[in-house]
Amino acid sequence: QVQLVESGGGLVQAGGSLRLSCAASGRSFSSYVMGWFRQAPGKEREFVAAIWSGSIIYADSVKGRFTISRDNAKNSVYLQMNSLKPEDTAVYYCSCRVAVTAEDRYWGQGTQVTVSS
């Protein structure tokens, strides 16, 4: 059973930056498919970024502004968010699958990011 804990959310002004962190409990972290999702009030949860093996993908809405990275020695994944916009306001969730072929997805509890104008 994988447990995920996010941190780093907060309130920032438009144009500012935040770095989110996600710590995972698994012993095979290096093989996990890790990702970030977000959910704004009144909207469905949407994909933000993912990293696994030698691949990284981003949603079009965050390309050029957000950077996902991981430190396998620390069982952690990060999301560096720059040039934040009010439309980035959402609860951000860390997510993982233990393998590309795994059916089950694990979720963290979420961390609030609020961007003021």
N, C-alpha and C. Protein backbone atom coordinates (compact mmCIF):
# COMPACT_ATOMS: atom_id res chain seq x y z
N GLN A 1 0.84 -1.18 0.00
CA GLN A 1 0.00 0.00 0.00
C GLN A 1 0.88 1.24 0.00
N VAL A 2 0.65 2.13 -0.97
CA VAL A 2 1.44 3.33 -1.11
C VAL A 2 0.73 4.50 -0.43
N GLN A 3 1.47 5.23 0.39
CA GLN A 3 0.95 6.43 1.03
C GLN A 3 1.69 7.64 0.50
N LEU A 4 0.95 8.71 0.21
CA LEU A 4 1.51 9.92 -0.37
C LEU A 4 1.12 11.12 0.48
N VAL A 5 2.07 12.01 0.72
CA VAL A 5 1.83 13.21 1.51
C VAL A 5 2.37 14.42 0.77
N GLU A 6 1.48 15.37 0.42
CA GLU A 6 1.88 16.59 -0.27
C GLU A 6 2.16 17.71 0.73
N SER A 7 2.99 18.65 0.32
CA SER A 7 3.25 19.84 1.11
C SER A 7 3.71 20.96 0.19
N GLY A 8 3.72 22.18 0.69
CA GLY A 8 4.25 23.30 -0.05
C GLY A 8 3.22 24.26 -0.61
N GLY A 9 1.95 23.96 -0.46
CA GLY A 9 0.91 24.85 -0.95
C GLY A 9 0.84 26.12 -0.13
N GLY A 10 0.10 27.10 -0.64
CA GLY A 10 -0.05 28.35 0.07
C GLY A 10 -0.69 29.40 -0.79
N LEU A 11 -0.63 30.64 -0.31
CA LEU A 11 -1.20 31.80 -0.99
C LEU A 11 -0.08 32.64 -1.59
N VAL A 12 -0.16 32.91 -2.89
CA VAL A 12 0.83 33.73 -3.57
C VAL A 12 0.13 34.69 -4.51
N GLN A 13 0.83 35.76 -4.87
CA GLN A 13 0.32 36.71 -5.84
C GLN A 13 0.62 36.23 -7.26
N ALA A 14 -0.18 36.67 -8.21
CA ALA A 14 0.05 36.34 -9.60
C ALA A 14 1.48 36.70 -10.00
N GLY A 15 2.12 35.79 -10.73
CA GLY A 15 3.50 35.98 -11.12
C GLY A 15 4.50 35.35 -10.17
N GLY A 16 4.04 34.92 -9.02
CA GLY A 16 4.91 34.33 -8.02
C GLY A 16 5.18 32.86 -8.28
N SER A 17 5.89 32.23 -7.33
CA SER A 17 6.30 30.84 -7.47
C SER A 17 6.03 30.05 -6.20
N LEU A 18 5.82 28.75 -6.38
CA LEU A 18 5.71 27.81 -5.29
C LEU A 18 6.34 26.50 -5.72
N ARG A 19 6.84 25.74 -4.76
CA ARG A 19 7.33 24.40 -5.03
C ARG A 19 6.58 23.41 -4.17
N LEU A 20 5.88 22.48 -4.80
CA LEU A 20 5.16 21.44 -4.10
C LEU A 20 6.04 20.20 -3.97
N SER A 21 5.88 19.50 -2.85
CA SER A 21 6.61 18.27 -2.62
C SER A 21 5.64 17.14 -2.33
N CYS A 22 6.03 15.94 -2.68
CA CYS A 22 5.23 14.75 -2.41
C CYS A 22 6.18 13.65 -1.95
N ALA A 23 5.95 13.14 -0.75
CA ALA A 23 6.75 12.06 -0.20
C ALA A 23 5.96 10.76 -0.26
N ALA A 24 6.57 9.71 -0.79
CA ALA A 24 5.92 8.42 -0.95
C ALA A 24 6.52 7.39 -0.02
N SER A 25 5.70 6.41 0.37
CA SER A 25 6.13 5.40 1.34
C SER A 25 6.67 4.12 0.72
N GLY A 26 6.49 3.90 -0.56
CA GLY A 26 6.84 2.64 -1.19
C GLY A 26 8.33 2.36 -1.22
N ARG A 27 8.67 1.06 -1.33
CA ARG A 27 10.07 0.65 -1.40
C ARG A 27 10.57 0.47 -2.83
N SER A 28 9.69 0.60 -3.80
CA SER A 28 10.06 0.50 -5.20
C SER A 28 9.78 1.80 -5.92
N PHE A 29 10.07 2.91 -5.26
CA PHE A 29 9.70 4.23 -5.76
C PHE A 29 10.26 4.52 -7.14
N SER A 30 11.47 4.07 -7.41
CA SER A 30 12.12 4.40 -8.67
C SER A 30 11.33 3.90 -9.88
N SER A 31 10.50 2.89 -9.69
CA SER A 31 9.71 2.34 -10.78
C SER A 31 8.30 2.93 -10.86
N TYR A 32 7.93 3.76 -9.89
CA TYR A 32 6.58 4.32 -9.86
C TYR A 32 6.37 5.36 -10.94
N VAL A 33 5.15 5.38 -11.48
CA VAL A 33 4.72 6.46 -12.35
C VAL A 33 4.11 7.53 -11.46
N MET A 34 4.75 8.67 -11.37
CA MET A 34 4.33 9.73 -10.47
C MET A 34 3.72 10.89 -11.24
N GLY A 35 2.70 11.50 -10.67
CA GLY A 35 2.05 12.60 -11.35
C GLY A 35 1.43 13.60 -10.40
N TRP A 36 1.09 14.75 -10.96
CA TRP A 36 0.36 15.79 -10.25
C TRP A 36 -0.94 16.08 -10.98
N PHE A 37 -2.02 16.18 -10.21
CA PHE A 37 -3.33 16.58 -10.71
C PHE A 37 -3.80 17.77 -9.89
N ARG A 38 -4.81 18.46 -10.39
CA ARG A 38 -5.38 19.57 -9.62
C ARG A 38 -6.88 19.64 -9.85
N GLN A 39 -7.57 20.22 -8.87
CA GLN A 39 -9.01 20.36 -8.96
C GLN A 39 -9.41 21.73 -8.41
N ALA A 40 -9.98 22.55 -9.28
CA ALA A 40 -10.47 23.86 -8.90
C ALA A 40 -11.92 23.75 -8.47
N PRO A 41 -12.41 24.72 -7.67
CA PRO A 41 -13.81 24.68 -7.23
C PRO A 41 -14.78 24.60 -8.41
N GLY A 42 -15.71 23.66 -8.34
CA GLY A 42 -16.71 23.51 -9.38
C GLY A 42 -16.23 22.84 -10.65
N LYS A 43 -15.00 22.36 -10.67
CA LYS A 43 -14.46 21.72 -11.86
C LYS A 43 -13.98 20.31 -11.55
N GLU A 44 -13.82 19.51 -12.60
CA GLU A 44 -13.32 18.16 -12.43
C GLU A 44 -11.80 18.17 -12.26
N ARG A 45 -11.30 17.12 -11.65
CA ARG A 45 -9.87 16.99 -11.47
C ARG A 45 -9.19 16.85 -12.83
N GLU A 46 -8.08 17.57 -13.02
CA GLU A 46 -7.39 17.54 -14.29
C GLU A 46 -5.91 17.21 -14.13
N PHE A 47 -5.35 16.63 -15.15
CA PHE A 47 -3.95 16.26 -15.18
C PHE A 47 -3.07 17.49 -15.30
N VAL A 48 -1.94 17.49 -14.59
CA VAL A 48 -0.98 18.59 -14.65
C VAL A 48 0.36 18.13 -15.24
N ALA A 49 0.96 17.10 -14.66
CA ALA A 49 2.27 16.63 -15.11
C ALA A 49 2.52 15.22 -14.60
N ALA A 50 3.42 14.50 -15.26
CA ALA A 50 3.79 13.16 -14.84
C ALA A 50 5.24 12.88 -15.19
N ILE A 51 5.86 11.99 -14.42
CA ILE A 51 7.24 11.59 -14.67
C ILE A 51 7.40 10.11 -14.35
N TRP A 52 8.00 9.38 -15.26
CA TRP A 52 8.29 7.97 -15.06
C TRP A 52 9.38 7.54 -16.05
N SER A 53 10.13 6.54 -15.65
CA SER A 53 11.22 6.04 -16.48
C SER A 53 11.98 7.22 -17.05
N GLY A 54 12.09 7.30 -18.36
CA GLY A 54 12.77 8.42 -18.99
C GLY A 54 11.83 9.44 -19.58
N SER A 55 10.58 9.47 -19.15
CA SER A 55 9.58 10.31 -19.77
C SER A 55 9.01 11.35 -18.81
N ILE A 56 8.69 12.52 -19.35
CA ILE A 56 8.01 13.59 -18.65
C ILE A 56 6.96 14.17 -19.57
N ILE A 57 5.76 14.40 -19.06
CA ILE A 57 4.71 15.01 -19.85
C ILE A 57 4.04 16.11 -19.03
N TYR A 58 3.52 17.12 -19.72
CA TYR A 58 2.84 18.23 -19.09
C TYR A 58 1.53 18.53 -19.80
N ALA A 59 0.57 19.03 -19.05
CA ALA A 59 -0.61 19.59 -19.67
C ALA A 59 -0.23 20.87 -20.41
N ASP A 60 -0.92 21.14 -21.52
CA ASP A 60 -0.60 22.33 -22.30
C ASP A 60 -0.71 23.61 -21.48
N SER A 61 -1.61 23.64 -20.52
CA SER A 61 -1.85 24.84 -19.74
C SER A 61 -0.69 25.23 -18.83
N VAL A 62 0.24 24.30 -18.57
CA VAL A 62 1.34 24.59 -17.66
C VAL A 62 2.71 24.49 -18.32
N LYS A 63 2.77 24.10 -19.58
CA LYS A 63 4.05 23.98 -20.27
C LYS A 63 4.79 25.31 -20.28
N GLY A 64 6.08 25.25 -19.95
CA GLY A 64 6.90 26.45 -19.90
C GLY A 64 6.87 27.16 -18.58
N ARG A 65 5.95 26.79 -17.69
CA ARG A 65 5.83 27.43 -16.38
C ARG A 65 6.09 26.47 -15.23
N PHE A 66 5.67 25.21 -15.37
CA PHE A 66 5.82 24.22 -14.31
C PHE A 66 6.90 23.21 -14.69
N THR A 67 7.59 22.69 -13.68
CA THR A 67 8.60 21.66 -13.89
C THR A 67 8.41 20.55 -12.87
N ILE A 68 8.26 19.33 -13.34
CA ILE A 68 8.16 18.18 -12.46
C ILE A 68 9.53 17.50 -12.38
N SER A 69 9.88 17.04 -11.19
CA SER A 69 11.15 16.35 -11.00
C SER A 69 10.99 15.33 -9.88
N ARG A 70 11.98 14.46 -9.73
CA ARG A 70 11.93 13.46 -8.66
C ARG A 70 13.31 13.20 -8.12
N ASP A 71 13.35 12.78 -6.87
CA ASP A 71 14.58 12.38 -6.20
C ASP A 71 14.32 10.99 -5.64
N ASN A 72 14.78 9.98 -6.36
CA ASN A 72 14.49 8.60 -5.96
C ASN A 72 15.12 8.23 -4.62
N ALA A 73 16.24 8.85 -4.29
CA ALA A 73 16.89 8.59 -3.01
C ALA A 73 16.04 9.07 -1.84
N LYS A 74 15.17 10.05 -2.08
CA LYS A 74 14.30 10.60 -1.04
C LYS A 74 12.85 10.17 -1.19
N ASN A 75 12.57 9.30 -2.15
CA ASN A 75 11.19 8.87 -2.42
C ASN A 75 10.26 10.07 -2.58
N SER A 76 10.72 11.08 -3.32
CA SER A 76 9.97 12.32 -3.42
C SER A 76 9.83 12.79 -4.86
N VAL A 77 8.72 13.47 -5.11
CA VAL A 77 8.44 14.11 -6.38
C VAL A 77 8.13 15.57 -6.10
N TYR A 78 8.51 16.45 -7.02
CA TYR A 78 8.34 17.88 -6.82
C TYR A 78 7.65 18.51 -8.02
N LEU A 79 6.98 19.62 -7.77
CA LEU A 79 6.40 20.42 -8.83
C LEU A 79 6.77 21.87 -8.59
N GLN A 80 7.71 22.37 -9.39
CA GLN A 80 8.10 23.77 -9.33
C GLN A 80 7.15 24.57 -10.20
N MET A 81 6.45 25.52 -9.61
CA MET A 81 5.45 26.30 -10.31
C MET A 81 5.90 27.76 -10.35
N ASN A 82 6.15 28.26 -11.55
CA ASN A 82 6.56 29.64 -11.75
C ASN A 82 5.51 30.39 -12.55
N SER A 83 5.59 31.71 -12.52
CA SER A 83 4.66 32.56 -13.27
C SER A 83 3.21 32.16 -13.01
N LEU A 84 2.88 31.99 -11.76
CA LEU A 84 1.55 31.51 -11.40
C LEU A 84 0.46 32.51 -11.79
N LYS A 85 -0.67 31.95 -12.19
CA LYS A 85 -1.83 32.73 -12.61
C LYS A 85 -3.02 32.41 -11.72
N PRO A 86 -3.98 33.31 -11.61
CA PRO A 86 -5.17 33.02 -10.80
C PRO A 86 -5.86 31.72 -11.20
N GLU A 87 -5.84 31.38 -12.49
CA GLU A 87 -6.47 30.15 -12.94
C GLU A 87 -5.74 28.89 -12.50
N ASP A 88 -4.55 29.04 -11.90
CA ASP A 88 -3.85 27.90 -11.32
C ASP A 88 -4.38 27.55 -9.93
N THR A 89 -5.24 28.39 -9.38
CA THR A 89 -5.81 28.14 -8.06
C THR A 89 -6.56 26.82 -8.04
N ALA A 90 -6.19 25.93 -7.13
CA ALA A 90 -6.79 24.60 -7.05
C ALA A 90 -6.19 23.85 -5.88
N VAL A 91 -6.80 22.71 -5.57
CA VAL A 91 -6.16 21.75 -4.69
C VAL A 91 -5.31 20.85 -5.56
N TYR A 92 -4.03 20.73 -5.24
CA TYR A 92 -3.10 19.93 -6.02
C TYR A 92 -2.88 18.59 -5.33
N TYR A 93 -3.01 17.52 -6.11
CA TYR A 93 -2.90 16.16 -5.60
C TYR A 93 -1.72 15.43 -6.22
N CYS A 94 -0.96 14.76 -5.39
CA CYS A 94 0.07 13.85 -5.85
C CYS A 94 -0.56 12.49 -6.12
N SER A 95 -0.09 11.81 -7.16
CA SER A 95 -0.67 10.54 -7.55
C SER A 95 0.41 9.59 -8.02
N CYS A 96 0.16 8.31 -7.87
CA CYS A 96 1.12 7.34 -8.41
C CYS A 96 0.44 6.04 -8.82
N ARG A 97 1.07 5.38 -9.76
CA ARG A 97 0.81 3.98 -10.09
C ARG A 97 2.14 3.26 -9.93
N VAL A 98 2.10 2.04 -9.42
CA VAL A 98 3.34 1.33 -9.14
C VAL A 98 4.04 0.88 -10.42
N ALA A 99 3.32 0.88 -11.52
CA ALA A 99 3.88 0.53 -12.83
C ALA A 99 2.96 1.08 -13.90
N VAL A 100 3.47 1.22 -15.10
CA VAL A 100 2.67 1.71 -16.22
C VAL A 100 1.46 0.81 -16.44
N THR A 101 1.62 -0.48 -16.19
CA THR A 101 0.56 -1.45 -16.41
C THR A 101 -0.38 -1.62 -15.22
N ALA A 102 -0.10 -0.97 -14.09
CA ALA A 102 -0.93 -1.09 -12.90
C ALA A 102 -2.27 -0.41 -13.10
N GLU A 103 -3.34 -1.03 -12.60
CA GLU A 103 -4.68 -0.48 -12.75
C GLU A 103 -5.02 0.51 -11.64
N ASP A 104 -4.54 0.28 -10.43
CA ASP A 104 -4.89 1.12 -9.30
C ASP A 104 -4.02 2.37 -9.22
N ARG A 105 -4.67 3.48 -8.87
CA ARG A 105 -3.97 4.74 -8.68
C ARG A 105 -4.10 5.16 -7.22
N TYR A 106 -2.99 5.62 -6.63
CA TYR A 106 -2.98 6.09 -5.26
C TYR A 106 -2.93 7.61 -5.24
N TRP A 107 -3.57 8.21 -4.22
CA TRP A 107 -3.69 9.66 -4.12
C TRP A 107 -3.24 10.16 -2.77
N GLY A 108 -2.63 11.35 -2.76
CA GLY A 108 -2.37 12.05 -1.52
C GLY A 108 -3.61 12.82 -1.09
N GLN A 109 -3.51 13.51 0.05
CA GLN A 109 -4.66 14.23 0.59
C GLN A 109 -4.88 15.59 -0.06
N GLY A 110 -3.91 16.09 -0.79
CA GLY A 110 -4.02 17.35 -1.47
C GLY A 110 -3.45 18.51 -0.69
N THR A 111 -3.00 19.54 -1.41
CA THR A 111 -2.52 20.76 -0.80
C THR A 111 -3.07 21.95 -1.59
N GLN A 112 -3.57 22.95 -0.87
CA GLN A 112 -4.24 24.09 -1.49
C GLN A 112 -3.23 25.10 -2.04
N VAL A 113 -3.43 25.48 -3.29
CA VAL A 113 -2.66 26.56 -3.92
C VAL A 113 -3.64 27.65 -4.32
N THR A 114 -3.44 28.85 -3.80
CA THR A 114 -4.29 29.98 -4.12
C THR A 114 -3.44 31.10 -4.70
N VAL A 115 -3.80 31.56 -5.89
CA VAL A 115 -3.08 32.63 -6.57
C VAL A 115 -3.99 33.84 -6.67
N SER A 116 -3.61 34.92 -6.04
CA SER A 116 -4.41 36.13 -6.03
C SER A 116 -3.99 37.05 -7.17
N SER A 117 -4.94 37.87 -7.63
CA SER A 117 -4.65 38.83 -8.69
C SER A 117 -4.19 40.16 -8.13
